[in-house]
Protein backbone atom coordinates (compact mmCIF):
# COMPACT_ATOMS: atom_id res chain seq x y z
CA MET A 1 122.84 40.90 18.86
CA PRO A 2 119.31 42.85 17.59
CA SER A 3 118.12 42.40 13.98
CA ILE A 4 117.84 45.57 11.35
CA ARG A 5 113.96 44.42 11.55
CA ASN A 6 113.91 45.02 15.60
CA LEU A 7 115.92 48.36 15.08
CA GLY A 8 113.99 49.75 12.49
CA SER A 9 110.98 49.10 14.51
CA ALA A 10 112.07 51.13 17.39
CA LEU A 11 113.10 53.61 15.33
CA LEU A 12 109.78 54.19 13.72
CA LEU A 13 108.19 53.69 16.88
CA ALA A 14 110.37 56.89 18.38
CA LEU A 15 109.75 58.86 15.39
CA ALA A 16 106.33 57.98 15.96
CA CYS A 17 106.06 59.15 19.70
CA SER A 18 108.32 62.35 18.26
CA ALA A 19 105.63 63.67 15.97
CA ALA A 20 102.48 62.89 18.50
CA SER A 21 104.02 65.08 21.14
CA ALA A 22 104.74 67.81 18.81
CA SER A 23 101.04 67.67 17.23
CA PRO A 24 98.75 69.48 19.40
CA LEU A 25 96.40 67.74 21.85
CA LEU A 26 92.92 68.05 20.60
CA SER A 27 89.97 67.70 22.30
CA THR A 28 86.01 68.47 21.98
CA THR A 29 83.51 69.01 24.31
CA HIS A 30 79.31 69.88 24.55
CA VAL A 31 78.45 71.47 27.14
CA ASN A 32 74.96 72.21 28.18
CA LEU A 33 73.91 75.79 28.91
CA VAL A 34 71.47 76.02 32.11
CA SER A 35 69.01 78.92 32.65
CA ASP A 36 69.93 82.08 35.00
CA ALA A 37 68.09 84.11 36.61
CA VAL A 38 67.49 86.73 34.48
CA GLY A 39 66.45 84.88 31.78
CA GLY A 40 69.39 83.73 29.52
CA GLN A 41 72.17 81.09 30.06
CA SER A 42 75.38 80.52 30.89
CA ALA A 43 77.79 77.46 30.91
CA GLY A 44 81.06 77.07 32.47
CA ILE A 45 83.96 76.39 30.66
CA SER A 46 86.75 74.95 32.60
CA ARG A 47 89.71 72.42 31.32
CA THR A 48 92.52 70.94 33.07
CA HIS A 49 95.87 69.60 31.40
CA THR A 50 98.25 66.97 32.64
CA VAL A 51 100.80 66.80 29.65
CA ALA A 52 102.75 70.14 28.86
CA GLY A 53 102.59 71.23 24.76
CA LEU A 54 100.23 72.75 22.95
CA PHE A 55 96.48 72.26 22.60
CA THR A 56 93.31 73.23 21.05
CA ASP A 57 90.06 72.63 22.77
CA THR A 58 86.48 72.78 21.16
CA PHE A 59 83.08 73.12 23.32
CA ILE A 60 79.94 73.47 21.35
CA LEU A 61 77.35 74.90 23.33
CA ASN A 62 74.28 72.75 23.96
CA GLY A 63 70.49 73.78 24.37
CA THR A 64 69.71 76.88 22.17
CA GLY A 65 69.20 77.66 18.61
CA GLY A 66 69.25 80.75 16.72
CA PHE A 67 70.38 83.91 16.88
CA ALA A 68 71.39 85.38 20.12
CA LEU A 69 73.58 87.43 21.89
CA LEU A 70 76.67 86.24 23.72
CA ASP A 71 79.48 87.15 25.92
CA GLY A 72 81.99 85.45 27.66
CA ILE A 73 85.25 85.31 30.20
CA LEU A 74 87.87 82.98 29.87
CA GLN A 75 90.95 83.06 32.92
CA THR A 76 93.83 81.16 34.05
CA SER A 77 96.76 82.07 37.25
CA GLY A 78 99.88 80.66 36.24
CA GLY A 79 102.94 80.50 38.51
CA GLN A 80 105.19 77.34 38.53
CA ALA A 81 105.32 76.12 35.19
CA THR A 82 103.35 72.91 36.01
CA ALA A 83 100.67 75.00 36.08
CA ASP A 84 100.94 77.52 33.75
CA ILE A 85 98.76 78.04 30.52
CA ASP A 86 99.77 80.35 27.89
CA PHE A 87 96.75 81.56 25.96
CA LEU A 88 97.84 81.53 22.08
CA SER A 89 93.82 82.49 20.81
CA ALA A 90 90.24 81.88 21.53
CA THR A 91 87.67 82.73 19.40
CA LEU A 92 83.78 81.99 19.86
CA ASN A 93 82.03 81.36 15.99
CA GLY A 94 85.44 82.67 14.49
CA ILE A 95 85.37 86.23 16.40
CA ALA A 96 88.05 86.55 18.88
CA PHE A 97 88.60 86.95 22.24
CA GLU A 98 90.69 89.72 23.73
CA PHE A 99 93.17 89.05 26.29
CA THR A 100 95.50 90.49 28.80
CA LYS A 101 98.18 89.19 30.89
CA THR A 102 99.51 90.53 34.20
CA ASN A 103 102.69 89.49 35.71
CA VAL A 104 103.55 89.35 39.12
CA GLN A 105 106.77 89.19 41.46
CA SER A 106 106.96 86.46 44.30
CA GLY A 107 110.09 87.47 46.22
CA ARG A 108 112.68 86.98 44.06
CA THR A 109 110.66 84.99 41.49
CA LEU A 110 109.09 86.88 38.58
CA TYR A 111 106.58 85.29 36.60
CA ILE A 112 105.96 86.44 33.36
CA ASP A 113 102.19 86.14 32.10
CA PHE A 114 100.93 84.68 35.70
CA ARG A 115 97.24 85.83 34.85
CA GLU A 116 95.32 85.88 31.93
CA ILE A 117 92.16 87.00 31.30
CA GLY A 118 90.40 87.15 27.74
CA SER A 119 87.39 88.59 27.22
CA PHE A 120 84.21 88.15 24.57
CA ALA A 121 82.21 91.48 24.18
CA GLU A 122 78.69 91.16 23.62
CA GLN A 123 77.98 89.81 19.76
CA GLY A 124 75.62 88.81 17.85
CA LEU A 125 75.79 85.01 16.48
CA SER A 126 73.92 82.38 14.76
CA SER A 127 73.93 78.91 16.46
CA PRO A 128 75.58 76.42 16.56
CA PHE A 129 77.77 78.01 19.28
CA THR A 130 81.46 76.97 18.82
CA LEU A 131 84.65 78.03 21.35
CA VAL A 132 87.83 77.15 20.13
CA ILE A 133 90.52 77.70 22.63
CA ASN A 134 94.66 77.11 21.53
CA GLY A 135 97.12 77.24 24.04
CA ARG A 136 100.27 76.15 25.53
CA ALA A 137 100.39 74.20 29.04
CA GLY A 138 103.60 73.84 30.82
CA GLU A 139 105.25 76.73 29.41
CA GLY A 140 109.30 76.02 29.22
CA LEU A 141 108.70 72.35 29.93
CA ALA A 142 109.14 69.35 27.51
CA ASP A 143 105.87 68.62 25.75
CA GLY A 144 105.05 65.41 27.50
CA SER A 145 106.24 66.57 30.61
CA ARG A 146 103.74 65.75 33.59
CA ILE A 147 101.74 69.19 34.86
CA ASN A 148 98.46 69.94 36.69
CA ALA A 149 97.29 73.54 34.74
CA THR A 150 93.31 74.28 34.49
CA TYR A 151 91.61 77.35 32.98
CA SER A 152 88.22 78.19 33.30
CA GLY A 153 85.46 80.71 32.09
CA ALA A 154 82.18 81.51 31.47
CA ILE A 155 79.72 82.17 28.53
CA ASN A 156 76.44 83.94 28.53
CA VAL A 157 73.64 83.93 25.75
CA ASN A 158 70.54 86.34 25.67
CA ASP A 159 67.69 84.92 23.18
CA VAL A 160 67.44 88.12 20.82
CA PRO A 161 63.51 88.35 19.75
CA GLU A 162 62.17 86.76 16.70
CA PRO A 163 61.19 89.63 13.92
CA ALA A 164 58.08 88.31 14.26
CA SER A 165 57.76 88.58 17.95
CA ALA A 166 59.26 91.88 18.02
CA ALA A 167 56.79 92.90 15.35
CA LEU A 168 53.85 91.93 17.47
CA ALA A 169 54.89 93.53 20.54
CA LEU A 170 55.01 96.86 18.14
CA VAL A 171 51.75 96.32 17.13
CA GLY A 172 50.49 95.67 20.78
CA LEU A 173 51.97 99.31 21.86
CA LEU A 174 51.02 100.65 18.76
CA GLY A 175 47.32 100.07 19.55
CA ALA A 176 47.36 100.77 23.14
CA GLY A 177 49.00 104.21 22.24
CA LEU A 178 46.03 105.02 19.54
CA VAL A 179 43.11 103.24 21.98
CA THR A 180 45.13 105.67 25.21
CA ARG A 181 45.04 108.82 23.05
CA ARG A 182 40.89 107.95 21.71
CA ARG A 183 40.26 108.11 25.31
CA LYS A 184 42.17 111.48 26.19
CA SER A 185 40.51 113.27 23.01
CA ALA A 186 36.45 112.14 23.77
């Protein structure tokens, strides 16, 4: 016959497991920015969730500092619940992405929110750059169920010249203009 102590321990363990599955899965990833062909930088973002439930994924972009112009996109294609990601929100340094959701009919099955695309219009931001994505993996499945659901995206970073550099360039252009004007009048 089980003792009261063993039953109490089993009850506490069950409550702890239940509480753990109700809280969101948290992850933080450092992502290195890579130089692109037009002088900016970009970072690919991707996450595969293998357990159904709420999640908060944080991506910290490494490789640049100061003030820059950033834009980005996030996307997921769902289908069956075991491959479904639903974005609840996404922010880059606290500024929200805008999401559009598309339903898809396949035969007799209607997939609600099959494709979700989040866009982040170009914004001037100061580093550090932090992307936070909140969502639910495996819509309609019990928390903790085994799934294989992925989302991906990209963040683009374009440096903005520092005010001193911009002022120096402006002085150079003005000087070149004055020299040209002098030559024409002489």
